[in-house]
Protein backbone atom coordinates (compact mmCIF):
# COMPACT_ATOMS: atom_id res chain seq x y z
CA MET A 1 -69.60 207.89 54.26
CA ASP A 2 -69.00 210.96 56.44
CA SER A 3 -71.36 213.75 55.34
CA LEU A 4 -68.58 216.32 55.84
CA ALA A 5 -66.35 214.39 53.43
CA VAL A 6 -69.20 214.34 50.88
CA ASP A 7 -69.72 218.10 51.20
CA LEU A 8 -65.98 218.78 50.91
CA ALA A 9 -65.69 216.55 47.82
CA ARG A 10 -68.64 218.38 46.26
CA PHE A 11 -67.14 221.77 47.09
CA GLN A 12 -63.76 220.77 45.67
CA PHE A 13 -65.33 219.68 42.40
CA ALA A 14 -67.46 222.85 42.31
CA PHE A 15 -64.36 224.98 42.87
CA THR A 16 -62.34 223.33 40.12
CA ILE A 17 -65.19 223.29 37.59
CA ALA A 18 -65.96 226.96 38.30
CA PHE A 19 -62.35 227.77 37.40
CA HIS A 20 -62.39 225.45 34.40
CA ILE A 21 -65.70 226.43 32.82
CA ILE A 22 -64.75 230.07 32.30
CA PHE A 23 -61.97 229.09 29.89
CA PRO A 24 -63.98 226.79 27.54
CA ALA A 25 -66.84 229.30 27.68
CA PHE A 26 -64.39 231.92 26.43
CA THR A 27 -62.38 229.85 23.95
CA ILE A 28 -65.44 228.33 22.22
CA GLY A 29 -66.65 231.78 21.28
CA LEU A 30 -63.19 233.23 20.72
CA ALA A 31 -62.15 230.46 18.31
CA SER A 32 -65.21 231.19 16.17
CA PHE A 33 -64.51 234.93 16.39
CA LEU A 34 -60.94 234.33 15.16
CA ALA A 35 -62.20 232.25 12.24
CA VAL A 36 -64.61 235.02 11.26
CA LEU A 37 -61.87 237.66 11.52
CA GLU A 38 -59.46 235.72 9.35
CA GLY A 39 -62.21 234.98 6.83
CA LEU A 40 -63.07 238.69 6.65
CA TRP A 41 -59.40 239.54 6.13
CA LEU A 42 -59.10 237.08 3.24
CA TRP A 43 -62.38 238.25 1.74
CA THR A 44 -61.92 242.02 2.04
CA GLY A 45 -58.13 242.37 2.17
CA ARG A 46 -58.43 244.90 5.02
CA ASP A 47 -55.46 244.67 7.37
CA VAL A 48 -57.55 245.83 10.32
CA TYR A 49 -59.15 242.38 10.53
CA LEU A 50 -55.72 240.76 10.66
CA ARG A 51 -54.59 243.16 13.37
CA VAL A 52 -57.60 242.23 15.48
CA PHE A 53 -57.01 238.53 14.70
CA LYS A 54 -53.41 238.65 15.92
CA PHE A 55 -54.42 240.64 18.99
CA TRP A 56 -56.94 238.00 20.11
CA LEU A 57 -54.82 235.04 19.00
CA VAL A 58 -52.39 235.62 21.87
CA ILE A 59 -55.25 235.79 24.36
CA PHE A 60 -56.81 232.66 22.87
CA ALA A 61 -53.53 230.74 23.29
CA LEU A 62 -53.26 231.69 26.98
CA SER A 63 -56.92 230.88 27.67
CA PHE A 64 -56.77 227.58 25.78
CA ALA A 65 -53.71 226.47 27.75
CA MET A 66 -55.33 227.26 31.09
CA GLY A 67 -58.53 225.51 30.01
CA VAL A 68 -56.63 222.32 29.16
CA VAL A 69 -54.69 222.32 32.43
CA SER A 70 -57.75 222.96 34.61
CA GLY A 71 -59.72 220.30 32.72
CA ILE A 72 -57.10 217.63 33.29
CA VAL A 73 -57.00 218.37 37.02
CA MET A 74 -60.78 218.20 37.22
CA ALA A 75 -60.86 214.82 35.44
CA TYR A 76 -58.50 213.31 38.00
CA GLN A 77 -61.08 213.91 40.71
CA PHE A 78 -63.24 211.17 39.23
CA GLY A 79 -60.58 208.79 40.51
CA THR A 80 -59.70 210.50 43.78
CA ASN A 81 -62.99 211.74 45.22
CA TRP A 82 -65.63 210.09 43.01
CA SER A 83 -64.31 206.59 42.35
CA VAL A 84 -67.66 204.90 43.09
CA PHE A 85 -69.34 207.16 40.53
CA ALA A 86 -66.60 206.29 38.03
CA GLU A 87 -67.01 202.59 38.73
CA LYS A 88 -70.81 202.71 38.43
CA THR A 89 -71.04 204.89 35.30
CA GLY A 90 -67.68 204.31 33.61
CA ALA A 91 -69.09 202.13 30.83
CA VAL A 92 -71.26 205.08 29.71
CA VAL A 93 -69.33 208.18 30.75
CA GLY A 94 -65.86 206.87 29.86
CA PRO A 95 -66.45 206.30 26.13
CA LEU A 96 -68.19 209.66 25.73
CA MET A 97 -65.23 211.47 27.29
CA GLY A 98 -62.93 209.32 25.15
CA TYR A 99 -64.78 210.44 22.02
CA GLU A 100 -64.16 214.03 23.09
CA VAL A 101 -60.42 213.33 23.13
CA LEU A 102 -60.43 211.36 19.86
CA THR A 103 -62.39 213.98 17.93
CA ALA A 104 -62.32 217.44 19.48
CA PHE A 105 -58.98 217.42 21.27
CA PHE A 106 -57.15 215.72 18.41
CA LEU A 107 -58.50 218.34 15.99
CA GLU A 108 -57.47 221.17 18.30
CA ALA A 109 -54.05 219.73 19.06
CA GLY A 110 -53.37 218.84 15.43
CA PHE A 111 -54.10 222.29 14.01
CA LEU A 112 -53.45 224.60 16.96
CA GLY A 113 -49.74 224.85 16.16
CA ILE A 114 -50.47 225.93 12.57
CA MET A 115 -53.01 228.44 13.83
CA LEU A 116 -50.64 229.95 16.41
CA PHE A 117 -47.31 229.85 14.57
CA GLY A 118 -48.02 229.19 10.90
CA MET A 119 -49.18 232.57 9.63
CA ASN A 120 -45.90 233.21 7.78
CA ARG A 121 -45.02 229.54 7.21
CA VAL A 122 -48.02 228.12 5.37
CA GLY A 123 -50.38 229.49 2.75
CA LYS A 124 -53.21 231.80 3.72
CA LYS A 125 -55.87 229.25 2.83
CA LEU A 126 -54.22 226.48 4.84
CA HIS A 127 -53.85 228.78 7.83
CA PHE A 128 -57.51 229.77 7.58
CA PHE A 129 -58.45 226.08 7.33
CA ALA A 130 -56.47 225.41 10.54
CA THR A 131 -58.29 228.24 12.33
CA VAL A 132 -61.68 226.91 11.24
CA VAL A 133 -60.76 223.37 12.33
CA VAL A 134 -59.72 224.61 15.78
CA ALA A 135 -63.05 226.42 16.06
CA ILE A 136 -64.87 223.22 15.06
CA GLY A 137 -62.80 221.32 17.63
CA THR A 138 -63.88 223.60 20.46
CA ALA A 139 -67.53 223.14 19.45
CA LEU A 140 -67.08 219.35 19.27
CA SER A 141 -65.59 219.41 22.74
CA ALA A 142 -68.71 221.14 24.01
CA PHE A 143 -70.84 218.56 22.17
CA TRP A 144 -69.33 215.56 23.98
CA ILE A 145 -68.99 217.14 27.42
CA LEU A 146 -72.59 218.40 27.30
CA SER A 147 -73.70 214.95 26.18
CA VAL A 148 -72.04 213.41 29.25
CA ASN A 149 -73.50 215.93 31.63
CA SER A 150 -76.94 215.85 30.03
CA TRP A 151 -77.04 212.07 30.33
CA MET A 152 -76.42 212.49 34.05
CA GLN A 153 -79.40 214.89 34.14
CA THR A 154 -81.77 212.83 31.95
CA PRO A 155 -80.38 209.28 31.73
CA THR A 156 -81.65 207.14 28.85
CA GLY A 157 -80.36 204.29 26.69
CA TYR A 158 -78.76 202.40 29.59
CA ALA A 159 -79.14 199.07 31.33
CA ILE A 160 -77.96 198.06 34.80
CA ASN A 161 -75.93 194.87 35.06
CA GLU A 162 -75.85 192.35 37.87
CA VAL A 163 -73.29 194.34 39.90
CA GLY A 164 -75.19 197.61 39.69
CA GLN A 165 -73.21 199.28 36.91
CA PHE A 166 -74.75 201.40 34.17
CA VAL A 167 -73.98 199.84 30.81
CA PRO A 168 -74.90 201.14 27.33
CA ALA A 169 -77.97 199.68 25.66
CA ASP A 170 -78.49 202.31 22.94
CA TRP A 171 -75.70 204.80 22.22
CA TRP A 172 -77.97 207.02 20.16
CA GLU A 173 -80.31 207.47 23.13
CA ILE A 174 -77.36 208.00 25.46
CA VAL A 175 -75.73 210.72 23.36
CA PHE A 176 -78.96 212.41 22.27
CA ASN A 177 -80.73 212.14 25.60
CA PRO A 178 -83.84 214.28 26.21
CA SER A 179 -82.10 217.36 27.66
CA PHE A 180 -78.97 217.33 25.46
CA PRO A 181 -80.12 219.45 22.47
CA TYR A 182 -81.46 222.20 24.73
CA ARG A 183 -78.42 222.27 26.98
CA LEU A 184 -75.95 222.21 24.07
CA VAL A 185 -77.61 225.17 22.33
CA HIS A 186 -77.92 227.07 25.60
CA MET A 187 -74.25 226.55 26.47
CA VAL A 188 -72.85 227.38 23.03
CA LEU A 189 -74.90 230.57 22.86
CA ALA A 190 -73.70 231.42 26.37
CA ALA A 191 -70.12 230.97 25.17
CA TYR A 192 -70.70 233.33 22.23
CA LEU A 193 -72.25 235.95 24.52
CA THR A 194 -69.44 235.58 27.04
CA THR A 195 -66.87 236.19 24.31
CA ALA A 196 -68.86 239.07 22.84
CA PHE A 197 -68.95 240.93 26.14
CA VAL A 198 -65.22 240.42 26.73
CA VAL A 199 -64.39 241.59 23.20
CA GLY A 200 -66.80 244.50 23.60
CA ALA A 201 -65.25 245.49 26.94
CA VAL A 202 -61.72 245.45 25.52
CA GLY A 203 -62.84 247.40 22.47
CA ALA A 204 -64.60 249.92 24.72
CA TYR A 205 -61.45 250.31 26.83
CA HIS A 206 -59.36 251.19 23.80
CA LEU A 207 -62.07 253.49 22.39
CA LEU A 208 -62.08 255.42 25.66
CA ARG A 209 -58.34 255.91 25.21
CA ASN A 210 -58.64 256.80 21.51
CA TYR A 211 -61.95 256.60 19.69
CA HIS A 212 -60.09 256.72 16.35
CA ASN A 213 -58.52 253.31 17.11
CA GLN A 214 -59.68 251.35 14.08
CA SER A 215 -59.12 247.90 15.60
CA ALA A 216 -61.07 248.88 18.70
CA GLN A 217 -63.90 250.08 16.47
CA VAL A 218 -64.01 246.71 14.71
CA MET A 219 -63.97 244.83 18.04
CA PHE A 220 -66.71 246.94 19.57
CA SER A 221 -68.92 246.96 16.49
CA MET A 222 -68.74 243.20 15.95
CA ALA A 223 -69.31 242.51 19.65
CA MET A 224 -72.39 244.72 19.79
CA TRP A 225 -73.86 243.07 16.68
CA MET A 226 -73.33 239.66 18.29
CA ILE A 227 -74.98 240.78 21.53
CA ILE A 228 -78.14 242.24 19.98
CA VAL A 229 -78.59 239.18 17.72
CA VAL A 230 -77.70 236.34 20.11
CA THR A 231 -79.23 237.57 23.39
CA PRO A 232 -82.88 237.27 22.24
CA VAL A 233 -82.09 233.87 20.72
CA GLN A 234 -80.52 232.79 24.01
CA MET A 235 -83.64 233.87 25.90
CA PHE A 236 -85.80 231.80 23.55
CA ALA A 237 -83.46 228.80 23.93
CA GLY A 238 -83.55 229.25 27.71
CA ASP A 239 -87.33 229.15 27.65
CA LEU A 240 -87.30 225.86 25.73
CA HIS A 241 -84.68 224.51 28.13
CA GLY A 242 -86.90 225.44 31.06
CA LEU A 243 -89.87 223.60 29.56
CA ASN A 244 -87.68 220.53 29.06
CA THR A 245 -86.49 220.74 32.67
CA LEU A 246 -90.07 221.00 33.90
CA GLU A 247 -90.86 217.77 32.06
CA HIS A 248 -87.87 215.75 33.26
CA GLN A 249 -86.73 217.44 36.52
CA PRO A 250 -89.77 219.13 38.07
CA ALA A 251 -88.18 219.33 41.54
CA LYS A 252 -85.39 221.47 40.08
CA VAL A 253 -87.95 223.82 38.54
CA ALA A 254 -89.81 224.04 41.84
CA ALA A 255 -86.58 225.12 43.54
CA MET A 256 -85.79 227.57 40.72
CA GLU A 257 -89.22 229.15 41.07
CA GLY A 258 -89.20 229.10 44.87
CA HIS A 259 -92.54 227.26 45.06
CA PHE A 260 -93.15 224.86 47.94
CA ASP A 261 -96.83 224.25 47.15
CA THR A 262 -98.19 223.45 43.71
CA GLN A 263 -100.08 226.49 42.44
CA SER A 264 -102.51 227.11 39.61
CA PRO A 265 -102.21 229.84 38.52
CA ALA A 266 -98.67 230.29 39.76
CA PRO A 267 -97.05 233.69 40.36
CA LEU A 268 -93.46 234.45 39.38
CA ILE A 269 -91.41 235.19 42.48
CA LEU A 270 -88.95 237.88 41.48
CA PHE A 271 -87.15 238.11 44.82
CA GLY A 272 -87.29 236.27 48.12
CA TRP A 273 -85.57 233.67 50.25
CA PRO A 274 -86.67 230.01 50.22
CA ASP A 275 -86.76 228.66 53.78
CA GLU A 276 -86.78 224.87 53.62
CA GLU A 277 -87.40 224.47 57.34
CA ALA A 278 -90.47 226.69 57.24
CA GLY A 279 -91.54 225.34 53.85
CA GLU A 280 -92.09 228.78 52.33
CA THR A 281 -90.33 231.53 50.44
CA LYS A 282 -90.04 234.54 52.73
CA TYR A 283 -89.89 238.25 51.84
CA LYS A 284 -91.13 237.48 48.35
CA VAL A 285 -91.95 239.98 45.63
CA GLN A 286 -94.06 238.30 42.99
CA VAL A 287 -95.98 238.89 39.77
CA PRO A 288 -99.33 237.06 39.53
CA TYR A 289 -99.83 234.47 36.76
CA LEU A 290 -96.38 234.99 35.26
CA SER A 291 -94.82 231.67 36.32
CA SER A 292 -97.76 229.81 34.74
CA ILE A 293 -97.42 231.86 31.55
CA ILE A 294 -93.67 231.22 31.25
CA LEU A 295 -93.64 227.52 32.18
CA THR A 296 -96.98 226.31 30.82
CA HIS A 297 -97.79 229.03 28.28
CA SER A 298 -101.23 229.42 29.83
CA LEU A 299 -102.77 231.73 32.42
CA ASP A 300 -103.84 228.99 34.83
CA GLY A 301 -101.22 226.28 34.24
CA ALA A 302 -100.12 224.34 37.33
CA VAL A 303 -96.50 224.73 38.45
CA PRO A 304 -95.28 222.03 40.86
CA GLY A 305 -93.99 222.82 44.33
CA LEU A 306 -91.31 221.05 46.34
CA ASN A 307 -93.92 219.50 48.65
CA GLU A 308 -94.87 217.23 45.73
CA PHE A 309 -91.60 215.36 46.29
CA PRO A 310 -90.07 213.55 49.27
CA ARG A 311 -88.01 215.96 51.36
CA GLU A 312 -84.91 213.77 50.96
CA ASP A 313 -85.15 214.40 47.19
CA TRP A 314 -85.21 218.20 47.47
CA PRO A 315 -82.31 220.11 45.95
CA PRO A 316 -80.88 222.98 48.05
CA ALA A 317 -83.66 225.43 47.21
CA ALA A 318 -82.00 228.70 48.25
CA ILE A 319 -78.87 228.15 46.15
CA VAL A 320 -80.84 227.14 43.06
CA PHE A 321 -83.31 230.02 43.51
CA VAL A 322 -80.60 232.69 43.84
CA SER A 323 -78.25 231.37 41.12
CA PHE A 324 -81.11 231.15 38.62
CA ARG A 325 -82.02 234.80 39.24
CA ILE A 326 -78.44 235.90 38.85
CA MET A 327 -78.30 234.20 35.44
CA VAL A 328 -81.63 235.63 34.27
CA GLY A 329 -80.89 239.09 35.64
CA ILE A 330 -77.59 239.24 33.77
CA GLY A 331 -79.38 238.13 30.61
CA VAL A 332 -81.77 241.08 30.91
CA LEU A 333 -78.83 243.48 31.38
CA MET A 334 -77.16 241.99 28.30
CA LEU A 335 -80.26 242.67 26.22
CA LEU A 336 -80.40 246.26 27.47
CA VAL A 337 -76.75 246.82 26.48
CA GLY A 338 -77.47 245.40 23.03
CA ILE A 339 -80.45 247.72 22.57
CA TRP A 340 -78.41 250.69 23.81
CA ALA A 341 -75.64 249.90 21.33
CA LEU A 342 -78.15 249.55 18.49
CA TRP A 343 -79.60 252.95 19.35
CA ALA A 344 -76.10 254.47 19.50
CA ARG A 345 -75.28 252.95 16.12
CA ALA A 346 -78.41 254.45 14.62
CA ARG A 347 -77.45 257.86 16.05
CA GLY A 348 -73.93 257.55 14.67
CA ASP A 349 -72.09 257.77 18.00
CA LEU A 350 -71.27 254.11 18.61
CA TYR A 351 -67.53 254.84 18.75
CA ASP A 352 -67.56 257.99 20.89
CA ASN A 353 -70.40 257.22 23.34
CA LYS A 354 -68.38 257.16 26.56
CA ARG A 355 -71.28 256.11 28.76
CA LEU A 356 -71.93 253.08 26.58
CA HIS A 357 -68.22 252.24 26.59
CA ARG A 358 -68.00 252.43 30.38
CA ALA A 359 -71.12 250.30 30.73
CA SER A 360 -69.64 247.76 28.31
CA MET A 361 -66.46 247.56 30.38
CA ILE A 362 -68.51 246.93 33.54
CA MET A 363 -70.45 244.24 31.68
CA GLY A 364 -67.26 242.56 30.42
CA PRO A 365 -67.09 239.77 33.04
CA THR A 366 -70.84 239.22 33.34
CA GLY A 367 -70.86 236.42 30.79
CA PHE A 368 -68.58 234.37 33.05
CA ILE A 369 -70.77 235.12 36.07
CA ALA A 370 -73.87 234.05 34.15
CA VAL A 371 -72.21 230.81 33.01
CA ILE A 372 -71.16 229.92 36.57
CA ALA A 373 -74.62 230.82 37.87
CA GLY A 374 -76.23 228.68 35.17
CA TRP A 375 -74.02 225.71 35.94
CA THR A 376 -74.76 226.16 39.65
CA THR A 377 -78.48 226.08 38.91
CA THR A 378 -78.08 222.96 36.79
CA GLU A 379 -75.74 220.99 39.03
CA VAL A 380 -77.08 221.94 42.46
CA GLY A 381 -80.61 221.54 41.12
CA ARG A 382 -79.79 217.92 40.24
CA GLN A 383 -79.02 217.11 43.86
CA PRO A 384 -79.17 214.83 45.75
CA TYR A 385 -78.25 212.74 42.70
CA THR A 386 -75.24 212.41 40.42
CA VAL A 387 -77.30 210.38 37.93
CA TYR A 388 -80.71 211.92 38.32
CA GLY A 389 -83.20 209.69 40.09
CA LEU A 390 -80.84 206.68 40.01
CA LEU A 391 -77.52 207.27 41.79
CA ARG A 392 -77.28 209.49 44.84
CA THR A 393 -74.34 211.78 45.48
CA ALA A 394 -73.72 210.27 48.90
CA GLU A 395 -73.35 206.86 47.21
CA SER A 396 -70.94 208.16 44.54
CA VAL A 397 -67.97 209.38 46.56
CA SER A 398 -64.71 207.57 47.24
CA PRO A 399 -64.07 206.05 50.69
CA VAL A 400 -61.88 209.00 51.69
CA GLU A 401 -62.01 210.68 55.07
CA ALA A 402 -62.73 214.37 55.54
CA PRO A 403 -59.16 215.40 56.62
CA ALA A 404 -57.73 214.02 53.36
CA VAL A 405 -60.28 215.93 51.29
CA TRP A 406 -59.59 219.06 53.35
CA ALA A 407 -55.88 218.81 52.60
CA SER A 408 -56.35 218.41 48.85
CA LEU A 409 -58.95 221.20 48.79
CA VAL A 410 -56.59 223.67 50.48
CA LEU A 411 -53.83 222.67 48.07
CA PHE A 412 -56.13 223.12 45.06
CA VAL A 413 -57.20 226.58 46.20
CA ALA A 414 -53.63 227.73 46.80
CA VAL A 415 -52.23 226.39 43.52
CA TYR A 416 -55.16 227.59 41.44
CA PHE A 417 -55.00 231.14 42.73
CA ILE A 418 -51.25 231.30 42.13
CA VAL A 419 -51.05 229.59 38.72
CA PHE A 420 -54.26 230.89 37.22
CA GLY A 421 -53.78 234.27 38.86
CA VAL A 422 -50.55 234.64 36.90
CA GLY A 423 -52.23 233.47 33.70
CA ILE A 424 -55.14 235.87 34.07
CA PHE A 425 -52.69 238.68 34.82
CA TYR A 426 -50.97 238.09 31.48
CA ILE A 427 -54.32 237.94 29.70
CA PHE A 428 -55.26 241.34 31.11
CA ARG A 429 -51.84 242.64 30.19
CA ALA A 430 -52.32 241.48 26.59
CA MET A 431 -55.78 243.03 26.48
CA GLY A 432 -54.34 246.37 27.58
CA LYS A 433 -52.03 246.67 24.56
CA SER A 434 -53.42 248.60 21.62
CA PRO A 435 -53.61 246.38 18.52
CA ASP A 436 -53.24 249.38 16.20
CA ALA A 437 -50.03 250.48 17.93
CA SER A 438 -48.38 247.07 17.95
CA MET A 439 -48.76 245.97 14.32
CA GLY A 440 -46.77 246.78 11.21
CA PRO A 441 -48.10 248.34 8.02
CA GLU A 442 -48.53 245.15 6.05
CA GLU A 443 -49.59 242.33 8.32
CA GLY A 444 -47.25 239.35 8.13
CA VAL A 445 -44.93 241.16 5.67
CA PRO A 446 -41.69 242.83 6.79
CA VAL A 447 -41.56 246.60 6.30
CA ARG A 448 -38.79 246.54 3.71
CA THR A 449 -40.51 243.95 1.50
CA ALA A 450 -43.67 246.03 1.69
CA GLY A 451 -41.81 248.69 -0.25
CA ILE A 452 -42.03 251.48 2.33
CA THR A 453 -39.79 252.81 5.07
CA PRO A 454 -40.54 252.40 8.81
CA ALA A 455 -41.43 256.11 9.02
CA GLN A 456 -43.91 255.71 6.16
CA ALA A 457 -45.30 252.61 7.81
CA LEU A 458 -45.93 254.49 11.06
CA HIS A 459 -47.63 257.28 9.16
CA LYS A 460 -49.80 254.75 7.30
CA ASN A 461 -50.95 253.09 10.53
CA LYS A 462 -51.87 256.46 12.06
CA GLY A 463 -53.86 257.28 8.97
CA GLU A 464 -55.79 254.01 9.10
CA GLY A 465 -56.99 254.83 12.59
CA SER A 466 -59.24 257.58 11.28
CA HIS A 467 -61.20 255.32 8.93
CA ASP A 468 -64.68 254.19 9.88
CA ALA A 469 -64.87 250.48 10.80
């Protein structure tokens, strides 16, 4: 197979999955946020929670639709560019992806209509049940997709038949493979953080326009609580994930750390540039002992270098090294924002701290960047394999020539930027509307049946904006 065709097929899949992953990463967290908001509304009776719910429901619908469309397109590439991979692993990967459709997607599709359009058509409890089921569906979707991908990283429970196909021997071992629990927790927490920073950025935007905006206060407060609670947990989960990766994919860890020679004790290289030709990381800034402490929990623990492995089994070290640092660096910034918000809350200026609000707006998209960087670390670090240690990427592609892959890649890029550009434009447009200004006095109840005039309703909404969230 032409190496250029392989690289183009890889780039096309990377491009489509980078577009796709931002939507599930957002909707997983947003669906849970919506369920919490509706539950708080039913529990407390405060209309502000319903206003925030309806505000984000529109954005959830747009994001969910784009996630479904981009996911379908990505799946087709298994047949167009990666047919050998599909043929070799279909007996394992196919059923797992089928379970995702039969469980997660059916739940989402079955109750999404009630969630989006049933607020005034079904009872409150049934509508809340539909919202919770959709949230469960998004989590189930992550469960099955992460199981598939984790099996490709740490394959277990399989046998290989006489024609070289992977066939299931133990479904329990396939689904709950060694890296799956760590990767599932890490991804779900990443989705919650991604959503929290988007919600926090939108809340901060509206607080900068009017710090009395009650809905914006609720958004910002809830987002900041989520950030300060989940970020440390995510760091702990990331540490466990790293230890698991060291056990099962040591070459990936060597590339992440930028080590070419095994060292004991091993320093942590903060910055540098891995040069595979020279076999060293140049321009490095490092902290002694720290890599050993993080990866082995001891001062003199040995951390493997890439020279321990055949050169043909090396992942692209520079890409893995840089993407890993982007992910970790963003995580540190997230923690700092959470601490800042906690300090502002203690001082009583959470809702009128303009510097914090501007910083939160800047941090809004960083969750997506961290998710893409994390997936880049995971997927590029698995190279040169599609099924780690068993099936090489060069042996997984379809017999398609480079010009054909070029043509489809250009078409994908053009269509994606047009279609998803329009969708993202409408999402930003929805985010820019003030939820307090757009809702009526009694959520879901017409003004006349609420027993007050439109003028009284407007006055009531203005008055609510001055309450503390």
